[in-house]
Amino acid sequence: MFYDDTKVYLKAGDGGNGCLSFLRQKYMPEGGPNGGNGGKGGDVLLVADENVSDLRAFHFKKHWKAKNGEPGRGSDQNGKRGDFCLLKLPLGTEVRIEGTDTPFCELLSHGEEITLLEGGKGGRGNATFKSSVNQTPRQTTEGKPGDEGNYVFTLKTIADVGLVGFPNAGKSTLLNVLSNATPKVDSYPFTTLVPSVGVIDYPDDFRTVTMADVPGLIEGAAENRGLGHRFLRHVERCRLLLFLIDMASTDGRDPCEDFKHLRKELSDYDETVAEKPFMVVGNKSDEKVAVENLERFKKEFPDCDPLFISAVLEDGLDVVRREILEKLS
């Protein structure tokens, strides 16, 4: 299972209470107040870690708490600060307060650290209340409670290129032959059920490009049908969309209608996603009917200029690689 959305309850540590204490020694009968302050409660910290792939740790454990600060003690001993709670999240995680739509924060780069919740301030011991007019104070304060709240973690894949296409269009095969990724490939629809990110190397240009193969759409995905929003949110951060069209009319599909539906689903979901730069690649050039469908596609969408490849035979891939680099430059 791939976990890319979960709800959690988080709480920072409470501050320790201040101490009420007086010095009592044989030769110091009026030693005065010596109660220490309480320690500050631990914070809740978020850190982006490229070695974490999904949110499974937070799916199975919903409550996370930092340690409370220790209470103050006599002999002017302040309480120890509570240990912080460090949560490691995958890159691309969006954090929202439950019940709100606006992101509270996002973790986009490895090592990025955010203090989400502050620990409570420690209470004052009676030694801090001593003054010229109050030599034996019996006043202390309690530690403040730490911040807490219910949050929603949502993972949105970070990649330069997002592969968009209907089931069985050949997205996993294309990612497999273009990059170092090894997604599951088979002849039935919805083979890909989780996002898969591969790296395309350009040794001559000393560059790499990340490409994400995410679960295929169906009509109505923008209304959350099928895999719905679980797919669509993973293309939000892509700089370039690659529409992979099955030109062989597999399963009786029409390439022109497929492209129209894909564009509409993205537009219905989010206009900013639909307006991203894109390129069109027609797959399965090894099929005879694909050539006829390609000509028809060009007439209906004269501004698209689709590339024509066979992912299975690895034909035409060099052109795709060059086009991707040019679009991202």
Protein backbone atom coordinates (compact mmCIF):
# COMPACT_ATOMS: atom_id res chain seq x y z
CA MET A 1 0.00 0.00 0.00
CA PHE A 2 1.05 3.57 -0.73
CA TYR A 3 -0.08 6.15 1.80
CA ASP A 4 -0.20 9.73 0.53
CA ASP A 5 -2.87 11.26 2.77
CA THR A 6 -3.46 10.95 6.51
CA LYS A 7 -4.77 12.80 9.58
CA VAL A 8 -2.77 13.12 12.80
CA TYR A 9 -3.08 14.66 16.24
CA LEU A 10 0.06 16.52 17.34
CA LYS A 11 0.92 18.03 20.70
CA ALA A 12 3.95 19.92 21.95
CA GLY A 13 5.17 19.32 25.50
CA ASP A 14 3.80 21.22 28.49
CA GLY A 15 6.11 23.44 30.49
CA GLY A 16 7.21 22.19 33.91
CA ASN A 17 5.86 23.84 37.06
CA GLY A 18 7.98 26.21 39.12
CA CYS A 19 9.18 24.93 42.51
CA LEU A 20 8.36 26.30 45.99
CA SER A 21 11.41 25.70 48.18
CA PHE A 22 13.47 27.37 50.91
CA LEU A 23 17.05 26.80 51.90
CA ARG A 24 17.27 24.95 55.20
CA GLN A 25 20.76 24.40 56.60
CA LYS A 26 22.09 24.20 60.12
CA TYR A 27 24.06 27.43 60.01
CA MET A 28 21.74 29.28 57.62
CA PRO A 29 18.38 29.45 59.40
CA GLU A 30 17.20 32.21 57.06
CA GLY A 31 18.61 30.89 53.80
CA GLY A 32 15.80 32.26 51.69
CA PRO A 33 13.88 30.92 48.67
CA ASN A 34 15.64 28.56 46.26
CA GLY A 35 12.88 27.05 44.12
CA GLY A 36 13.95 26.62 40.48
CA ASN A 37 12.01 27.27 37.27
CA GLY A 38 10.26 24.59 35.27
CA GLY A 39 11.70 23.45 31.94
CA LYS A 40 10.19 24.40 28.59
CA GLY A 41 8.11 21.75 26.85
CA GLY A 42 9.47 20.09 23.73
CA ASP A 43 8.55 21.42 20.26
CA VAL A 44 7.04 19.43 17.39
CA LEU A 45 9.40 19.68 14.41
CA LEU A 46 8.86 18.65 10.80
CA VAL A 47 11.79 17.78 8.55
CA ALA A 48 11.81 16.81 4.87
CA ASP A 49 13.70 13.57 4.25
CA GLU A 50 14.36 12.27 0.72
CA ASN A 51 14.72 8.75 2.15
CA VAL A 52 11.06 8.67 3.25
CA SER A 53 8.77 7.59 0.40
CA ASP A 54 5.25 7.97 1.82
CA LEU A 55 3.19 8.70 4.95
CA ARG A 56 2.76 5.13 6.23
CA ALA A 57 4.38 5.95 9.60
CA PHE A 58 1.58 8.44 10.30
CA HIS A 59 -1.18 6.22 8.93
CA PHE A 60 -0.57 3.58 11.60
CA LYS A 61 0.29 5.98 14.43
CA LYS A 62 -2.10 8.90 14.66
CA HIS A 63 -0.96 10.59 17.89
CA TRP A 64 2.47 12.20 18.28
CA LYS A 65 3.57 14.10 21.39
CA ALA A 66 6.73 15.88 22.49
CA LYS A 67 8.00 15.46 26.05
CA ASN A 68 6.92 17.74 28.88
CA GLY A 69 9.45 19.97 30.61
CA GLU A 70 10.58 18.82 34.05
CA PRO A 71 9.39 20.76 37.13
CA GLY A 72 11.85 22.94 38.97
CA ARG A 73 13.55 21.68 42.11
CA GLY A 74 15.08 23.08 45.26
CA SER A 75 18.64 24.38 45.48
CA ASP A 76 17.88 26.68 42.52
CA GLN A 77 17.72 23.76 40.10
CA ASN A 78 15.78 24.50 36.95
CA GLY A 79 13.86 21.68 35.29
CA LYS A 80 15.20 20.03 32.17
CA ARG A 81 13.72 21.06 28.84
CA GLY A 82 11.43 18.45 27.26
CA ASP A 83 12.72 16.48 24.27
CA PHE A 84 11.33 17.61 20.92
CA CYS A 85 9.25 15.38 18.66
CA LEU A 86 10.84 15.12 15.19
CA LEU A 87 8.61 13.96 12.35
CA LYS A 88 10.33 12.93 9.10
CA LEU A 89 8.13 13.55 6.07
CA PRO A 90 8.65 12.81 2.37
CA LEU A 91 9.50 15.64 0.00
CA GLY A 92 6.36 17.27 -1.37
CA THR A 93 4.29 16.92 1.81
CA GLU A 94 1.65 19.59 2.33
CA VAL A 95 0.52 20.27 5.92
CA ARG A 96 -2.94 21.66 6.64
CA ILE A 97 -4.85 22.30 9.84
CA GLU A 98 -7.84 19.95 9.78
CA GLY A 99 -10.94 21.71 8.51
CA THR A 100 -9.05 24.30 6.43
CA ASP A 101 -8.20 24.34 2.73
CA THR A 102 -5.15 26.61 2.88
CA PRO A 103 -1.78 24.85 3.36
CA PHE A 104 -0.09 25.73 6.65
CA CYS A 105 3.32 24.79 5.27
CA GLU A 106 5.02 22.65 2.60
CA LEU A 107 8.22 20.63 2.71
CA LEU A 108 9.90 20.74 -0.69
CA SER A 109 13.66 20.30 -0.21
CA HIS A 110 15.74 17.71 1.62
CA GLY A 111 16.66 18.79 5.14
CA GLU A 112 14.10 21.61 5.29
CA GLU A 113 12.95 21.95 8.91
CA ILE A 114 9.86 23.66 10.30
CA THR A 115 8.78 24.18 13.91
CA LEU A 116 5.10 23.33 13.70
CA LEU A 117 4.13 23.53 17.40
CA GLU A 118 5.88 25.35 20.25
CA GLY A 119 6.35 23.74 23.63
CA GLY A 120 4.84 25.43 26.68
CA LYS A 121 6.91 27.88 28.70
CA GLY A 122 8.17 26.63 32.06
CA GLY A 123 6.71 28.03 35.28
CA ARG A 124 8.64 30.32 37.65
CA GLY A 125 10.04 29.08 40.90
CA ASN A 126 9.65 31.12 44.09
CA ALA A 127 13.30 32.22 43.95
CA THR A 128 12.46 34.50 41.02
CA PHE A 129 9.87 36.36 43.12
CA LYS A 130 12.30 37.41 45.85
CA SER A 131 12.60 41.19 46.28
CA SER A 132 13.56 43.75 48.88
CA VAL A 133 10.00 43.84 50.14
CA ASN A 134 9.31 40.11 49.79
CA GLN A 135 12.16 38.09 51.26
CA THR A 136 10.20 34.83 51.66
CA PRO A 137 7.92 34.55 48.60
CA ARG A 138 5.60 31.60 48.46
CA GLN A 139 4.49 32.40 44.94
CA THR A 140 5.15 30.13 41.95
CA THR A 141 3.57 29.70 38.52
CA GLU A 142 2.56 26.60 36.65
CA GLY A 143 4.01 25.67 33.31
CA LYS A 144 2.09 26.69 30.20
CA PRO A 145 0.47 23.98 28.07
CA GLY A 146 2.11 23.19 24.74
CA ASP A 147 0.41 23.90 21.42
CA GLU A 148 -1.70 21.12 19.94
CA GLY A 149 -3.97 20.43 17.02
CA ASN A 150 -5.28 18.06 14.37
CA TYR A 151 -3.45 18.18 11.07
CA VAL A 152 -3.75 16.67 7.60
CA PHE A 153 -0.60 15.50 5.78
CA THR A 154 -0.95 15.25 1.99
CA LEU A 155 1.83 14.04 -0.27
CA LYS A 156 2.11 15.61 -3.72
CA THR A 157 4.81 14.13 -5.91
CA ILE A 158 7.68 16.43 -6.87
CA ALA A 159 8.88 15.80 -10.43
CA ASP A 160 9.88 17.82 -13.49
CA VAL A 161 7.63 15.86 -15.85
CA GLY A 162 4.26 14.27 -15.14
CA LEU A 163 3.04 11.44 -17.38
CA VAL A 164 -0.66 11.87 -18.12
CA GLY A 165 -2.72 9.26 -19.91
CA PHE A 166 -5.57 6.80 -19.72
CA PRO A 167 -5.02 3.24 -18.43
CA ASN A 168 -3.11 0.98 -20.83
CA ALA A 169 -1.61 3.94 -22.73
CA GLY A 170 1.90 2.68 -21.94
CA LYS A 171 3.03 5.20 -19.31
CA SER A 172 4.83 2.66 -17.14
CA THR A 173 6.61 1.17 -20.16
CA LEU A 174 7.73 4.62 -21.31
CA LEU A 175 9.05 5.50 -17.85
CA ASN A 176 10.83 2.16 -17.71
CA VAL A 177 12.74 2.66 -20.98
CA LEU A 178 13.46 6.38 -20.47
CA SER A 179 14.68 6.32 -16.88
CA ASN A 180 16.06 4.18 -14.08
CA ALA A 181 12.60 3.47 -12.66
CA THR A 182 11.13 -0.04 -12.75
CA PRO A 183 7.35 0.35 -12.40
CA LYS A 184 5.08 -2.66 -12.80
CA VAL A 185 4.18 -3.27 -16.44
CA ASP A 186 1.38 -5.50 -17.71
CA SER A 187 -1.41 -5.60 -20.28
CA TYR A 188 -4.32 -4.85 -17.96
CA PRO A 189 -5.56 -1.38 -16.94
CA PHE A 190 -4.65 0.25 -13.61
CA THR A 191 -1.38 -1.66 -13.38
CA THR A 192 0.06 1.44 -11.71
CA LEU A 193 -1.68 2.15 -8.42
CA VAL A 194 0.99 4.34 -6.81
CA PRO A 195 3.15 7.18 -8.16
CA SER A 196 6.53 6.09 -9.49
CA VAL A 197 9.36 8.57 -10.09
CA GLY A 198 12.31 7.89 -12.37
CA VAL A 199 15.42 9.89 -13.26
CA ILE A 200 16.34 10.59 -16.89
CA ASP A 201 20.08 11.21 -17.31
CA TYR A 202 21.56 13.65 -19.84
CA PRO A 203 25.32 12.98 -19.54
CA ASP A 204 26.28 15.41 -22.33
CA ASP A 205 24.42 18.27 -20.63
CA PHE A 206 25.34 17.25 -17.08
CA ARG A 207 21.66 17.31 -16.18
CA THR A 208 19.00 14.99 -14.85
CA VAL A 209 15.22 15.22 -15.18
CA THR A 210 12.72 13.51 -12.90
CA MET A 211 9.61 11.99 -14.44
CA ALA A 212 6.56 10.74 -12.52
CA ASP A 213 4.25 7.98 -13.69
CA VAL A 214 1.04 8.29 -11.71
CA PRO A 215 -2.14 6.19 -11.79
CA GLY A 216 -4.19 6.54 -14.96
CA LEU A 217 -7.25 8.73 -15.17
CA ILE A 218 -10.78 7.81 -16.06
CA GLU A 219 -13.55 10.14 -17.13
CA GLY A 220 -14.87 11.94 -14.08
CA ALA A 221 -11.58 11.89 -12.18
CA ALA A 222 -11.99 15.60 -11.39
CA GLU A 223 -15.20 14.63 -9.55
CA ASN A 224 -13.09 12.11 -7.62
CA ARG A 225 -14.25 9.05 -9.55
CA GLY A 226 -11.89 6.12 -9.84
CA LEU A 227 -8.52 7.09 -8.40
CA GLY A 228 -9.66 10.70 -8.78
CA HIS A 229 -7.89 13.32 -6.73
CA ARG A 230 -5.35 10.76 -5.53
CA PHE A 231 -3.95 10.91 -9.06
CA LEU A 232 -4.55 14.53 -9.95
CA ARG A 233 -2.80 16.08 -6.98
CA HIS A 234 0.43 14.35 -8.01
CA VAL A 235 0.73 16.47 -11.17
CA GLU A 236 0.24 19.82 -9.40
CA ARG A 237 3.96 20.39 -8.88
CA CYS A 238 5.20 19.09 -12.26
CA ARG A 239 6.77 21.72 -14.51
CA LEU A 240 5.83 19.89 -17.73
CA LEU A 241 2.98 17.51 -18.58
CA LEU A 242 3.54 14.72 -21.09
CA PHE A 243 0.27 13.49 -22.56
CA LEU A 244 0.80 9.91 -23.67
CA ILE A 245 -1.89 8.94 -26.19
CA ASP A 246 -2.62 5.37 -27.24
CA MET A 247 -2.73 5.72 -31.04
CA ALA A 248 -3.56 2.02 -31.52
CA SER A 249 -7.12 2.44 -30.19
CA THR A 250 -6.59 -0.25 -27.54
CA ASP A 251 -9.84 -1.29 -25.84
CA GLY A 252 -11.77 0.55 -28.56
CA ARG A 253 -10.61 3.98 -27.38
CA ASP A 254 -10.36 6.95 -29.73
CA PRO A 255 -7.07 8.94 -29.49
CA CYS A 256 -8.71 12.28 -30.26
CA GLU A 257 -11.43 11.79 -27.66
CA ASP A 258 -8.84 10.62 -25.14
CA PHE A 259 -6.86 13.84 -25.51
CA LYS A 260 -10.00 15.96 -25.16
CA HIS A 261 -11.04 14.11 -22.02
CA LEU A 262 -7.59 14.36 -20.46
CA ARG A 263 -7.49 18.12 -21.02
CA LYS A 264 -11.00 18.51 -19.64
CA GLU A 265 -10.26 16.49 -16.49
CA LEU A 266 -7.22 18.63 -15.72
CA SER A 267 -9.16 21.83 -16.38
CA ASP A 268 -12.09 20.72 -14.19
CA TYR A 269 -9.69 19.84 -11.39
CA ASP A 270 -7.56 22.99 -11.47
CA GLU A 271 -7.15 25.57 -14.23
CA THR A 272 -3.54 26.26 -13.21
CA VAL A 273 -2.68 22.59 -13.78
CA ALA A 274 -4.38 22.60 -17.19
CA GLU A 275 -2.35 25.67 -18.20
CA LYS A 276 1.03 24.07 -17.53
CA PRO A 277 3.39 23.58 -20.50
CA PHE A 278 2.78 20.23 -22.18
CA MET A 279 3.85 17.95 -24.98
CA VAL A 280 1.96 15.16 -26.74
CA VAL A 281 3.43 11.75 -27.51
CA GLY A 282 1.57 9.15 -29.56
CA ASN A 283 2.44 5.61 -28.50
CA LYS A 284 2.32 2.21 -30.18
CA SER A 285 3.66 3.21 -33.61
CA ASP A 286 4.29 -0.51 -34.25
CA GLU A 287 0.52 -0.97 -34.78
CA LYS A 288 -0.83 -0.33 -38.33
CA VAL A 289 -3.94 1.47 -37.16
CA ALA A 290 -1.78 3.87 -35.14
CA VAL A 291 -0.44 5.54 -38.30
CA GLU A 292 -3.97 6.31 -39.52
CA ASN A 293 -5.02 7.58 -36.10
CA LEU A 294 -1.95 9.81 -35.92
CA GLU A 295 -2.86 11.58 -39.19
CA ARG A 296 -6.40 12.09 -37.97
CA PHE A 297 -5.10 13.40 -34.66
CA LYS A 298 -2.84 15.95 -36.41
CA LYS A 299 -5.76 17.27 -38.46
CA GLU A 300 -7.98 17.69 -35.39
CA PHE A 301 -5.21 19.23 -33.24
CA PRO A 302 -2.90 21.03 -35.69
CA ASP A 303 -1.10 22.97 -32.92
CA CYS A 304 -0.02 19.92 -30.93
CA ASP A 305 2.62 18.41 -33.25
CA PRO A 306 2.69 15.01 -31.48
CA LEU A 307 5.78 12.84 -31.38
CA PHE A 308 5.31 9.25 -32.56
CA ILE A 309 6.98 6.38 -30.70
CA SER A 310 6.82 2.75 -29.75
CA ALA A 311 7.70 2.40 -26.08
CA VAL A 312 7.81 -1.39 -26.36
CA LEU A 313 10.28 -1.34 -29.28
CA GLU A 314 12.10 1.70 -27.83
CA ASP A 315 11.64 3.52 -31.14
CA GLY A 316 11.67 7.33 -31.23
CA LEU A 317 12.80 7.77 -27.63
CA ASP A 318 15.78 10.00 -28.43
CA VAL A 319 13.44 12.61 -29.89
CA VAL A 320 11.28 12.47 -26.77
CA ARG A 321 14.31 12.92 -24.53
CA ARG A 322 15.48 15.97 -26.50
CA GLU A 323 12.01 17.51 -26.55
CA ILE A 324 11.66 17.13 -22.78
CA LEU A 325 14.96 18.89 -22.19
CA GLU A 326 14.08 21.72 -24.55
CA LYS A 327 10.68 22.25 -22.92
CA LEU A 328 12.25 22.43 -19.47
CA SER A 329 15.10 24.75 -20.47
